[in-house]
C-alpha atoms as a PDB file:
ATOM      1  CA  MET A   1      14.757  -7.426  74.861  1.00  0.00           C
ATOM      2  CA  PRO A   2      16.800  -5.552  72.621  1.00  0.00           C
ATOM      3  CA  VAL A   3      19.106  -3.181  73.332  1.00  0.00           C
ATOM      4  CA  THR A   4      21.037  -1.791  70.415  1.00  0.00           C
ATOM      5  CA  LYS A   5      18.718   0.472  67.860  1.00  0.00           C
ATOM      6  CA  THR A   6      18.571  -1.867  65.029  1.00  0.00           C
ATOM      7  CA  ALA A   7      17.473  -4.615  67.163  1.00  0.00           C
ATOM      8  CA  LYS A   8      14.670  -2.601  68.992  1.00  0.00           C
ATOM      9  CA  ARG A   9      13.796  -1.754  65.315  1.00  0.00           C
ATOM     10  CA  ALA A  10      13.952  -4.898  63.846  1.00  0.00           C
ATOM     11  CA  LEU A  11      11.539  -6.109  67.762  1.00  0.00           C
ATOM     12  CA  ARG A  12       8.987  -3.511  65.900  1.00  0.00           C
ATOM     13  CA  VAL A  13       8.858  -4.779  62.418  1.00  0.00           C
ATOM     14  CA  SER A  14       8.865  -8.703  63.099  1.00  0.00           C
ATOM     15  CA  GLN A  15       5.729  -7.480  65.756  1.00  0.00           C
ATOM     16  CA  LYS A  16       3.997  -5.725  63.297  1.00  0.00           C
ATOM     17  CA  LYS A  17       4.590  -8.921  61.234  1.00  0.00           C
ATOM     18  CA  LYS A  18       3.050 -11.281  63.017  1.00  0.00           C
ATOM     19  CA  ARG A  19       0.398  -9.371  64.136  1.00  0.00           C
ATOM     20  CA  VAL A  20      -0.672  -9.258  60.003  1.00  0.00           C
ATOM     21  CA  ASN A  21       0.006 -13.009  59.691  1.00  0.00           C
ATOM     22  CA  ASP A  22      -1.995 -13.666  62.482  1.00  0.00           C
ATOM     23  CA  ALA A  23      -5.240 -11.684  61.598  1.00  0.00           C
ATOM     24  CA  PHE A  24      -4.864 -13.263  57.796  1.00  0.00           C
ATOM     25  CA  VAL A  25      -4.343 -16.864  59.591  1.00  0.00           C
ATOM     26  CA  LYS A  26      -7.571 -16.640  61.978  1.00  0.00           C
ATOM     27  CA  GLN A  27      -9.248 -14.852  58.893  1.00  0.00           C
ATOM     28  CA  PHE A  28      -8.471 -18.287  56.781  1.00  0.00           C
ATOM     29  CA  GLU A  29      -9.293 -20.718  59.532  1.00  0.00           C
ATOM     30  CA  ILE A  30     -12.669 -19.071  59.402  1.00  0.00           C
ATOM     31  CA  SER A  31     -13.354 -19.267  55.657  1.00  0.00           C
ATOM     32  CA  LEU A  32     -12.097 -23.181  56.034  1.00  0.00           C
ATOM     33  CA  ARG A  33     -14.722 -23.605  58.837  1.00  0.00           C
ATOM     34  CA  GLU A  34     -17.535 -21.472  56.866  1.00  0.00           C
ATOM     35  CA  ALA A  35     -16.683 -23.537  53.442  1.00  0.00           C
ATOM     36  CA  LYS A  36     -16.715 -26.275  55.456  1.00  0.00           C
ATOM     37  CA  LYS A  37     -20.345 -25.902  56.740  1.00  0.00           C
ATOM     38  CA  LYS A  38     -22.007 -24.111  53.903  1.00  0.00           C
ATOM     39  CA  GLY A  39     -20.376 -25.706  50.902  1.00  0.00           C
ATOM     40  CA  ASP A  40     -20.972 -23.356  48.944  1.00  0.00           C
ATOM     41  CA  GLN A  41     -19.242 -22.738  45.364  1.00  0.00           C
ATOM     42  CA  LYS A  42     -18.703 -18.649  45.952  1.00  0.00           C
ATOM     43  CA  VAL A  43     -17.320 -19.952  50.024  1.00  0.00           C
ATOM     44  CA  VAL A  44     -15.163 -22.684  48.128  1.00  0.00           C
ATOM     45  CA  ALA A  45     -13.653 -20.632  46.188  1.00  0.00           C
ATOM     46  CA  LYS A  46     -12.837 -18.020  48.303  1.00  0.00           C
ATOM     47  CA  ALA A  47     -11.446 -20.505  51.064  1.00  0.00           C
ATOM     48  CA  MET A  48      -9.671 -21.524  47.933  1.00  0.00           C
ATOM     49  CA  SER A  49      -7.618 -17.938  47.799  1.00  0.00           C
ATOM     50  CA  LEU A  50      -6.967 -17.778  50.805  1.00  0.00           C
ATOM     51  CA  THR A  51      -5.219 -21.001  51.130  1.00  0.00           C
ATOM     52  CA  ASP A  52      -3.495 -19.511  47.973  1.00  0.00           C
ATOM     53  CA  ARG A  53      -2.210 -16.706  49.173  1.00  0.00           C
ATOM     54  CA  ALA A  54      -1.518 -18.635  52.761  1.00  0.00           C
ATOM     55  CA  ALA A  55       0.737 -20.631  50.940  1.00  0.00           C
ATOM     56  CA  LYS A  56       2.596 -18.027  49.102  1.00  0.00           C
ATOM     57  CA  ARG A  57       3.274 -16.221  52.387  1.00  0.00           C
ATOM     58  CA  ARG A  58       4.657 -19.116  53.443  1.00  0.00           C
ATOM     59  CA  LEU A  59       2.096 -19.404  56.471  1.00  0.00           C
ATOM     60  CA  ILE A  60       1.040 -22.802  55.516  1.00  0.00           C
ATOM     61  CA  HIS A  61       3.214 -25.486  53.760  1.00  0.00           C
ATOM     62  CA  LYS A  62       2.161 -25.429  50.210  1.00  0.00           C
ATOM     63  CA  ASN A  63       1.682 -29.137  50.360  1.00  0.00           C
ATOM     64  CA  LYS A  64      -0.943 -28.637  53.033  1.00  0.00           C
ATOM     65  CA  ALA A  65      -2.369 -26.074  50.619  1.00  0.00           C
ATOM     66  CA  ALA A  66      -2.351 -28.337  48.532  1.00  0.00           C
ATOM     67  CA  ARG A  67      -4.402 -31.096  50.968  1.00  0.00           C
ATOM     68  CA  ILE A  68      -6.597 -27.878  51.779  1.00  0.00           C
ATOM     69  CA  LYS A  69      -7.493 -27.703  48.004  1.00  0.00           C
ATOM     70  CA  SER A  70      -8.384 -30.734  47.689  1.00  0.00           C
ATOM     71  CA  TYR A  71     -10.415 -31.480  49.921  1.00  0.00           C
ATOM     72  CA  LEU A  72     -12.162 -28.368  49.033  1.00  0.00           C
ATOM     73  CA  ALA A  73     -13.046 -29.632  45.417  1.00  0.00           C
ATOM     74  CA  LYS A  74     -15.050 -32.277  47.194  1.00  0.00           C
ATOM     75  CA  LEU A  75     -17.229 -30.265  49.195  1.00  0.00           C
ATOM     76  CA  ILE A  76     -18.589 -28.374  45.686  1.00  0.00           C
ATOM     77  CA  LYS A  77     -21.303 -30.338  44.914  1.00  0.00           C
ATOM     78  CA  PRO A  78     -21.829 -30.949  41.610  1.00  0.00           C
ATOM     79  CA  ALA A  79     -24.325 -29.670  39.556  1.00  0.00           C
ATOM     80  CA  ARG A  80     -27.307 -31.938  38.431  1.00  0.00           C
ATOM     81  CA  ALA A  81     -27.830 -32.398  35.218  1.00  0.00           C
ATOM     82  CA  LYS A  82     -30.872 -32.388  33.858  1.00  0.00           C
ATOM     83  CA  SER A  83     -32.145 -35.085  31.669  1.00  0.00           C
ATOM     84  CA  LYS A  84     -34.406 -35.240  29.180  1.00  0.00           C
ATOM     85  CA  LYS A  85     -36.978 -38.489  28.357  1.00  0.00           C
END
């Protein structure tokens, strides 16, 4: 356990950051599962946004974020063009 006043404060701050980060990661993982399940463009866009934010916060590595976004882009079903005959 911390002894000094500043060490106690640092512990409180790091615990708060951990709670916030854990909640964000949980939301991020849920959105990835939902995007994988549905493949809807709106859901995939939300998952991509959360992926970018997780990488910006350094909760995941930027290369992992790029891999996830690539995977999510493949999930979006392309709109079929109606051909006139």
